[in-house]
């Protein structure tokens, strides 16, 4: 294949021309025989790393071990779900794998990390799902589609240089994200240092129920028409995916029109409101609404907690996101006996919270605001490096 726009010395080949690829073993617990071995499945493969928090076992015959094993340098690619998600096996020891994964083994003309970065570009740009994913509701990256993907191939020395440059930028981003985590840990450390354990109340602070110190606790609803009714702009509709602990995530922030917003007048968000997820896997996540998303409403999975003047919203938010209080909230959420965790309005109103003197709360809030300013500078720096990373990815792979 030739392309007049290709960079000098580069080739374009189909992936199948530079590697061999096989799916892993199709599992059948009732019929599988042999000895038990751990195996890799899709949940173990994250982007550029493996997660071994859950390792499954099944039986493999001795004759199947080589065929369904991975070795150092193999690229493992998810066949279903989040198609294309990839990681390189960098361990000396081998391991078995199942048919939810493609094992790609290169012939020496391409660096595995170069291919992984290329797949990340295809995924982020939407090309992988739109052009190579099969299926309507659940996408699959079947073997024929995988091997048909064209990949640019510079000389190996150039591949190594590109990988080095992109990995360097990724490393900077990761280090800055670690700095954010360290600042969050510092904020929690300051909370415990000033107020102790808020659940055990080992400092003997005054205790009130959340309903006593709030002027509003309430959640909204999904507008009629569901996701199809969302607009590109308008009134913000905050969902549980936007609310993380001490962090508002703007990605996938939904918007509704005035008419839809009027149907949710009972959950108009005001400046300084505390947002708390009350259902599902993200239950108990909590943050303060940022000013720049107002005007806004919440759906049924998020509760508005509006404080009276006798308490600091920053203090209450950090009390709710403290490790010990998160465990308390999760325990309450699981006690309802439902199929998924949930916190009711009544349960929220009855929550016991410590109430130190307002002056001490405000002193804490000032410390947190200082930390948040540092975090904002780091976030802006991350955005800049991510823009550079994406532009270099586009330059090399676009």
Protein backbone atom coordinates (compact mmCIF):
# COMPACT_ATOMS: atom_id res chain seq x y z
CA UNK A 1 0.00 0.00 0.00
CA UNK A 2 1.30 3.48 -0.86
CA UNK A 3 0.23 6.92 0.27
CA UNK A 4 1.66 10.12 -1.17
CA UNK A 5 1.16 11.77 2.24
CA UNK A 6 3.11 9.15 4.17
CA UNK A 7 6.15 10.37 6.08
CA UNK A 8 9.51 9.64 4.49
CA UNK A 9 10.72 6.13 5.22
CA UNK A 10 7.37 5.02 6.64
CA UNK A 11 5.20 2.21 5.34
CA UNK A 12 1.53 1.43 5.82
CA UNK A 13 0.63 -2.20 6.29
CA UNK A 14 -2.34 -4.08 7.60
CA UNK A 15 -1.85 -5.31 11.15
CA UNK A 16 -2.14 -8.90 9.94
CA UNK A 17 1.01 -8.41 7.85
CA UNK A 18 3.21 -7.64 10.85
CA UNK A 19 1.92 -10.03 13.49
CA UNK A 20 0.13 -13.25 14.26
CA UNK A 21 -2.98 -13.11 16.37
CA UNK A 22 -5.13 -15.66 18.18
CA UNK A 23 -8.08 -15.51 20.55
CA UNK A 24 -7.77 -17.38 23.82
CA UNK A 25 -9.61 -20.45 24.99
CA UNK A 26 -13.39 -20.59 24.83
CA UNK A 27 -14.36 -21.63 28.32
CA UNK A 28 -16.85 -24.33 29.19
CA UNK A 29 -16.75 -25.07 32.90
CA UNK A 30 -18.93 -28.18 32.50
CA UNK A 31 -16.69 -29.80 29.89
CA UNK A 32 -13.18 -28.42 30.48
CA UNK A 33 -10.70 -30.99 31.75
CA UNK A 34 -7.10 -30.90 32.93
CA UNK A 35 -5.42 -29.00 35.73
CA UNK A 36 -6.56 -25.66 37.13
CA UNK A 37 -4.61 -22.60 35.92
CA UNK A 38 -5.13 -18.87 36.37
CA UNK A 39 -6.08 -17.08 33.18
CA UNK A 40 -6.40 -13.55 31.87
CA UNK A 41 -9.78 -12.17 30.84
CA UNK A 42 -11.02 -8.72 29.79
CA UNK A 43 -11.35 -7.40 33.34
CA UNK A 44 -7.61 -7.92 33.84
CA UNK A 45 -6.60 -5.81 30.83
CA UNK A 46 -6.67 -2.05 31.37
CA UNK A 47 -5.04 0.56 29.19
CA UNK A 48 -1.29 -0.08 29.34
CA UNK A 49 -1.50 -2.11 32.55
CA UNK A 50 -2.98 -5.22 34.13
CA UNK A 51 -5.32 -5.50 37.10
CA UNK A 52 -4.89 -8.70 39.11
CA UNK A 53 -7.33 -7.82 41.89
CA UNK A 54 -9.62 -10.55 40.47
CA UNK A 55 -7.93 -13.61 38.98
CA UNK A 56 -10.06 -16.45 37.65
CA UNK A 57 -9.11 -20.11 37.26
CA UNK A 58 -10.19 -22.79 34.83
CA UNK A 59 -8.93 -26.16 33.56
CA UNK A 60 -6.45 -26.50 30.72
CA UNK A 61 -5.16 -29.72 29.19
CA UNK A 62 -1.38 -29.96 28.87
CA UNK A 63 -1.77 -29.81 25.08
CA UNK A 64 -3.59 -26.44 25.37
CA UNK A 65 -1.04 -24.62 27.50
CA UNK A 66 1.24 -23.37 24.74
CA UNK A 67 -1.60 -22.47 22.38
CA UNK A 68 -3.44 -20.37 24.98
CA UNK A 69 -0.50 -18.73 26.71
CA UNK A 70 1.02 -15.27 26.60
CA UNK A 71 4.70 -14.48 26.74
CA UNK A 72 6.77 -11.38 27.30
CA UNK A 73 6.19 -8.77 24.57
CA UNK A 74 2.71 -9.99 23.57
CA UNK A 75 0.06 -7.32 23.14
CA UNK A 76 -3.32 -8.29 24.62
CA UNK A 77 -6.34 -6.53 23.10
CA UNK A 78 -9.93 -6.67 24.36
CA UNK A 79 -12.27 -8.25 21.81
CA UNK A 80 -15.56 -7.10 23.37
CA UNK A 81 -16.97 -4.35 25.55
CA UNK A 82 -14.37 -1.59 25.54
CA UNK A 83 -12.89 -2.91 22.32
CA UNK A 84 -9.22 -2.24 21.65
CA UNK A 85 -8.23 -1.72 25.27
CA UNK A 86 -4.67 -2.99 25.29
CA UNK A 87 -1.73 -3.86 27.51
CA UNK A 88 1.67 -5.45 26.92
CA UNK A 89 2.63 -8.58 28.86
CA UNK A 90 6.02 -7.64 30.33
CA UNK A 91 6.52 -10.55 32.74
CA UNK A 92 9.02 -13.36 32.25
CA UNK A 93 6.52 -16.01 33.35
CA UNK A 94 3.72 -17.08 31.03
CA UNK A 95 -0.02 -17.13 31.73
CA UNK A 96 -3.12 -18.52 30.03
CA UNK A 97 -5.82 -16.33 28.48
CA UNK A 98 -9.42 -16.70 27.32
CA UNK A 99 -11.29 -15.83 24.13
CA UNK A 100 -12.32 -12.34 25.26
CA UNK A 101 -8.76 -11.32 24.38
CA UNK A 102 -6.68 -11.20 21.22
CA UNK A 103 -3.05 -12.16 21.72
CA UNK A 104 -0.97 -10.22 19.20
CA UNK A 105 2.61 -11.37 18.68
CA UNK A 106 4.75 -9.21 16.38
CA UNK A 107 7.27 -10.38 13.81
CA UNK A 108 10.00 -7.89 14.78
CA UNK A 109 9.18 -5.04 12.42
CA UNK A 110 7.13 -3.14 14.98
CA UNK A 111 7.53 -2.25 18.64
CA UNK A 112 4.58 -3.48 20.75
CA UNK A 113 4.37 -0.12 22.55
CA UNK A 114 4.21 1.72 19.24
CA UNK A 115 1.20 -0.41 18.30
CA UNK A 116 -0.40 0.09 21.73
CA UNK A 117 -0.12 3.87 21.37
CA UNK A 118 -1.57 3.65 17.88
CA UNK A 119 -4.56 1.70 19.21
CA UNK A 120 -5.01 4.31 21.93
CA UNK A 121 -5.15 6.97 19.21
CA UNK A 122 -7.69 4.95 17.18
CA UNK A 123 -9.81 4.50 20.31
CA UNK A 124 -9.72 8.11 21.44
CA UNK A 125 -10.52 9.39 17.95
CA UNK A 126 -13.52 7.05 17.64
CA UNK A 127 -12.10 5.34 14.55
CA UNK A 128 -11.75 1.94 16.20
CA UNK A 129 -15.37 1.67 17.33
CA UNK A 130 -16.93 3.26 14.25
CA UNK A 131 -14.92 1.54 11.53
CA UNK A 132 -13.79 -1.75 13.03
CA UNK A 133 -16.24 -2.59 15.82
CA UNK A 134 -18.96 -5.07 14.88
CA UNK A 135 -22.40 -5.12 16.49
CA UNK A 136 -24.99 -2.53 17.44
CA UNK A 137 -25.49 -2.57 21.21
CA UNK A 138 -22.31 -4.39 22.22
CA UNK A 139 -19.27 -3.88 20.02
CA UNK A 140 -16.85 -6.69 19.15
CA UNK A 141 -13.45 -6.47 17.50
CA UNK A 142 -13.46 -9.69 15.53
CA UNK A 143 -10.21 -11.17 14.29
CA UNK A 144 -10.77 -10.28 10.62
CA UNK A 145 -11.42 -6.63 11.53
CA UNK A 146 -8.43 -6.50 13.85
CA UNK A 147 -6.02 -7.83 11.26
CA UNK A 148 -7.39 -5.51 8.55
CA UNK A 149 -6.51 -2.35 10.48
CA UNK A 150 -3.87 -0.32 8.59
CA UNK A 151 -0.95 0.76 10.74
CA UNK A 152 1.82 3.24 9.90
CA UNK A 153 5.26 1.67 10.31
CA UNK A 154 8.32 3.91 10.56
CA UNK A 155 11.81 2.41 10.90
CA UNK A 156 12.36 0.77 14.29
CA UNK A 157 14.67 3.55 15.46
CA UNK A 158 11.93 6.08 14.68
CA UNK A 159 9.33 3.96 16.48
CA UNK A 160 11.54 3.91 19.57
CA UNK A 161 11.98 7.69 19.42
CA UNK A 162 8.22 8.27 19.08
CA UNK A 163 7.45 5.87 21.92
CA UNK A 164 10.05 7.61 24.08
CA UNK A 165 8.56 11.05 23.38
CA UNK A 166 4.94 9.99 24.02
CA UNK A 167 5.86 7.97 27.11
CA UNK A 168 7.73 10.99 28.48
CA UNK A 169 4.63 13.17 28.09
CA UNK A 170 2.45 10.45 29.63
CA UNK A 171 4.87 10.23 32.53
CA UNK A 172 4.62 13.97 33.17
CA UNK A 173 0.82 13.71 33.19
CA UNK A 174 0.86 10.78 35.61
CA UNK A 175 3.27 12.57 37.97
CA UNK A 176 1.00 15.61 38.05
CA UNK A 177 -2.01 13.39 38.75
CA UNK A 178 -0.08 11.87 41.64
CA UNK A 179 0.48 15.40 42.95
CA UNK A 180 -3.30 15.91 42.96
CA UNK A 181 -3.73 12.70 44.97
CA UNK A 182 -1.07 13.86 47.43
CA UNK A 183 -2.88 17.17 47.92
CA UNK A 184 -6.17 15.32 48.49
CA UNK A 185 -4.41 13.17 51.08
CA UNK A 186 -3.05 16.33 52.69
CA UNK A 187 -6.56 17.82 52.90
CA UNK A 188 -7.89 14.69 54.60
CA UNK A 189 -4.90 14.64 56.96
CA UNK A 190 -5.61 18.24 57.96
CA UNK A 191 -9.26 17.33 58.60
CA UNK A 192 -8.35 14.46 60.93
CA UNK A 193 -5.68 16.58 62.65
CA UNK A 194 -8.16 19.37 63.37
CA UNK A 195 -11.33 17.38 64.09
CA UNK A 196 -10.41 13.74 64.75
CA UNK A 197 -12.62 10.83 63.70
CA UNK A 198 -16.04 12.29 62.74
CA UNK A 199 -17.85 8.96 63.16
CA UNK A 200 -16.46 8.09 66.60
CA UNK A 201 -16.30 11.79 67.57
CA UNK A 202 -13.22 11.19 69.70
CA UNK A 203 -12.85 14.96 70.28
CA UNK A 204 -16.34 15.27 71.80
CA UNK A 205 -17.71 17.85 69.37
CA UNK A 206 -21.39 18.80 69.32
CA UNK A 207 -23.37 16.40 67.12
CA UNK A 208 -26.43 17.26 65.03
CA UNK A 209 -28.44 15.45 62.43
CA UNK A 210 -27.85 16.56 58.86
CA UNK A 211 -31.50 17.57 58.57
CA UNK A 212 -31.03 20.08 61.39
CA UNK A 213 -28.24 22.01 59.69
CA UNK A 214 -29.61 22.02 56.14
CA UNK A 215 -32.29 24.09 54.47
CA UNK A 216 -32.73 21.53 51.68
CA UNK A 217 -32.04 17.88 50.94
CA UNK A 218 -33.52 16.60 47.70
CA UNK A 219 -32.91 14.84 44.38
CA UNK A 220 -34.36 15.34 40.92
CA UNK A 221 -35.36 13.20 37.98
CA UNK A 222 -34.43 12.36 34.41
CA UNK A 223 -36.39 14.61 32.02
CA UNK A 224 -39.05 13.03 29.85
CA UNK A 225 -37.39 11.45 26.83
CA UNK A 226 -34.28 10.34 28.75
CA UNK A 227 -30.86 10.72 27.16
CA UNK A 228 -32.39 11.58 23.80
CA UNK A 229 -33.76 14.81 25.26
CA UNK A 230 -30.31 16.16 26.21
CA UNK A 231 -29.09 19.26 24.42
CA UNK A 232 -25.64 20.49 23.42
CA UNK A 233 -26.15 23.58 25.58
CA UNK A 234 -28.67 25.02 28.00
CA UNK A 235 -29.30 24.29 31.69
CA UNK A 236 -26.77 21.85 33.17
CA UNK A 237 -28.20 18.52 34.31
CA UNK A 238 -25.80 17.02 36.84
CA UNK A 239 -25.65 13.22 37.01
CA UNK A 240 -23.78 10.83 39.26
CA UNK A 241 -20.94 10.46 36.72
CA UNK A 242 -20.15 14.16 37.24
CA UNK A 243 -19.87 13.88 41.03
CA UNK A 244 -16.64 12.47 42.44
CA UNK A 245 -15.11 12.95 45.88
CA UNK A 246 -14.07 16.59 46.12
CA UNK A 247 -14.04 16.76 42.32
CA UNK A 248 -16.63 17.78 39.76
CA UNK A 249 -16.06 16.00 36.42
CA UNK A 250 -17.18 18.06 33.45
CA UNK A 251 -16.90 15.25 30.92
CA UNK A 252 -20.33 14.15 29.63
CA UNK A 253 -22.11 16.96 31.48
CA UNK A 254 -25.67 16.88 30.11
CA UNK A 255 -27.81 19.91 29.27
CA UNK A 256 -31.58 20.43 29.08
CA UNK A 257 -33.79 23.20 27.72
CA UNK A 258 -35.82 25.70 29.74
CA UNK A 259 -39.04 23.68 29.45
CA UNK A 260 -37.34 20.55 30.81
CA UNK A 261 -35.63 22.58 33.52
CA UNK A 262 -38.99 24.02 34.62
CA UNK A 263 -40.18 20.47 35.32
CA UNK A 264 -37.30 20.21 37.82
CA UNK A 265 -37.87 23.50 39.66
CA UNK A 266 -37.73 21.69 42.98
CA UNK A 267 -34.04 20.91 42.44
CA UNK A 268 -32.61 24.21 41.29
CA UNK A 269 -28.97 24.21 42.37
CA UNK A 270 -27.60 27.23 44.20
CA UNK A 271 -24.02 28.41 44.61
CA UNK A 272 -22.18 26.40 47.26
CA UNK A 273 -24.56 23.42 47.30
CA UNK A 274 -23.05 20.08 48.29
CA UNK A 275 -23.80 17.27 45.82
CA UNK A 276 -24.02 13.66 47.02
CA UNK A 277 -24.55 10.55 44.88
CA UNK A 278 -27.37 8.49 46.41
CA UNK A 279 -27.68 5.42 44.18
CA UNK A 280 -25.58 2.83 42.36
CA UNK A 281 -21.89 2.03 42.31
CA UNK A 282 -20.90 5.66 42.88
CA UNK A 283 -23.09 6.09 45.98
CA UNK A 284 -21.61 8.41 48.65
CA UNK A 285 -19.35 10.34 46.25
CA UNK A 286 -19.56 13.99 47.20
CA UNK A 287 -18.38 17.43 46.04
CA UNK A 288 -19.38 21.11 46.04
CA UNK A 289 -21.01 22.34 42.84
CA UNK A 290 -18.66 24.63 40.87
CA UNK A 291 -20.02 28.06 39.98
CA UNK A 292 -19.35 27.67 36.26
CA UNK A 293 -21.98 24.93 35.75
CA UNK A 294 -24.83 27.10 37.05
CA UNK A 295 -27.72 27.34 36.29
CA UNK A 296 -28.18 23.63 36.91
CA UNK A 297 -30.46 20.82 38.07
CA UNK A 298 -29.77 17.27 39.33
CA UNK A 299 -31.27 13.96 38.29
CA UNK A 300 -32.62 11.26 40.60
CA UNK A 301 -29.19 9.81 41.37
CA UNK A 302 -27.80 12.99 42.96
CA UNK A 303 -28.96 14.79 46.09
CA UNK A 304 -28.62 18.50 46.78
CA UNK A 305 -27.50 19.24 50.34
CA UNK A 306 -27.88 22.95 51.12
CA UNK A 307 -26.33 24.17 54.36
CA UNK A 308 -27.66 26.74 56.78
CA UNK A 309 -25.34 29.58 57.78
CA UNK A 310 -24.33 27.80 61.00
CA UNK A 311 -21.97 25.43 59.14
CA UNK A 312 -19.34 25.58 56.40
CA UNK A 313 -20.19 23.68 53.23
CA UNK A 314 -16.49 22.92 52.73
CA UNK A 315 -16.26 21.43 56.23
CA UNK A 316 -19.38 19.27 55.75
CA UNK A 317 -18.23 18.09 52.31
CA UNK A 318 -14.85 17.01 53.69
CA UNK A 319 -16.54 15.32 56.64
CA UNK A 320 -18.68 13.30 54.21
CA UNK A 321 -15.71 12.30 52.02
CA UNK A 322 -13.44 11.32 54.91
CA UNK A 323 -12.47 7.64 54.81
CA UNK A 324 -14.40 6.71 57.94
CA UNK A 325 -17.54 8.57 56.88
CA UNK A 326 -17.46 7.04 53.40
CA UNK A 327 -17.51 3.60 55.01
CA UNK A 328 -20.45 4.70 57.15
CA UNK A 329 -22.41 5.95 54.13
CA UNK A 330 -21.69 2.80 52.12
CA UNK A 331 -22.83 0.66 55.03
CA UNK A 332 -26.10 2.61 55.23
CA UNK A 333 -26.52 2.39 51.46
CA UNK A 334 -26.22 -1.40 51.54
CA UNK A 335 -28.59 -1.80 54.49
CA UNK A 336 -31.70 -1.11 52.45
CA UNK A 337 -31.72 -4.65 51.06
CA UNK A 338 -32.10 -3.45 47.47
CA UNK A 339 -30.20 -4.91 44.51
CA UNK A 340 -28.06 -1.76 44.38
CA UNK A 341 -26.78 0.64 47.01
CA UNK A 342 -29.02 3.60 47.77
CA UNK A 343 -29.36 6.40 50.29
CA UNK A 344 -32.83 7.76 51.00
CA UNK A 345 -33.75 11.33 51.94
CA UNK A 346 -34.85 10.15 55.39
CA UNK A 347 -31.52 8.41 55.95
CA UNK A 348 -29.64 11.55 54.90
CA UNK A 349 -31.68 13.73 57.22
CA UNK A 350 -30.90 11.40 60.16
CA UNK A 351 -27.13 11.32 59.53
CA UNK A 352 -25.13 12.41 62.56
CA UNK A 353 -22.44 14.98 61.80
CA UNK A 354 -20.00 16.68 64.14
CA UNK A 355 -20.35 20.47 64.50
CA UNK A 356 -17.16 22.11 65.82
CA UNK A 357 -17.20 25.90 66.40
CA UNK A 358 -17.87 27.79 63.17
CA UNK A 359 -14.58 29.69 63.52
CA UNK A 360 -12.69 26.38 63.46
CA UNK A 361 -14.68 25.19 60.44
CA UNK A 362 -13.82 28.42 58.63
CA UNK A 363 -10.14 28.05 59.52
CA UNK A 364 -10.24 24.58 57.96
CA UNK A 365 -12.08 25.92 54.90
CA UNK A 366 -9.32 28.51 54.34
CA UNK A 367 -6.67 25.79 54.38
CA UNK A 368 -8.70 23.75 51.88
CA UNK A 369 -9.21 26.75 49.59
CA UNK A 370 -5.43 27.22 49.53
CA UNK A 371 -4.97 23.56 48.57
CA UNK A 372 -7.65 23.86 45.89
CA UNK A 373 -5.80 26.78 44.32
CA UNK A 374 -2.69 24.60 44.06
CA UNK A 375 -4.75 21.79 42.56
CA UNK A 376 -6.26 24.14 39.99
CA UNK A 377 -2.78 25.17 38.81
CA UNK A 378 -1.81 21.50 38.48
CA UNK A 379 -5.02 20.70 36.57
CA UNK A 380 -4.32 23.50 34.11
CA UNK A 381 -0.78 22.17 33.68
CA UNK A 382 -2.19 18.67 33.05
CA UNK A 383 -4.55 20.08 30.41
CA UNK A 384 -1.64 21.76 28.65
CA UNK A 385 0.48 18.60 28.61
CA UNK A 386 -2.51 16.52 27.50
CA UNK A 387 -3.08 18.93 24.62
CA UNK A 388 0.55 18.54 23.61
CA UNK A 389 0.32 14.74 23.94
CA UNK A 390 -2.83 14.63 21.80
CA UNK A 391 -1.33 16.90 19.16
CA UNK A 392 1.76 14.67 18.91
CA UNK A 393 -0.46 11.58 18.67
CA UNK A 394 -2.37 13.28 15.87
CA UNK A 395 0.87 14.22 14.14
CA UNK A 396 2.25 10.69 14.20
CA UNK A 397 -0.92 8.69 13.70
CA UNK A 398 -3.56 11.03 12.25
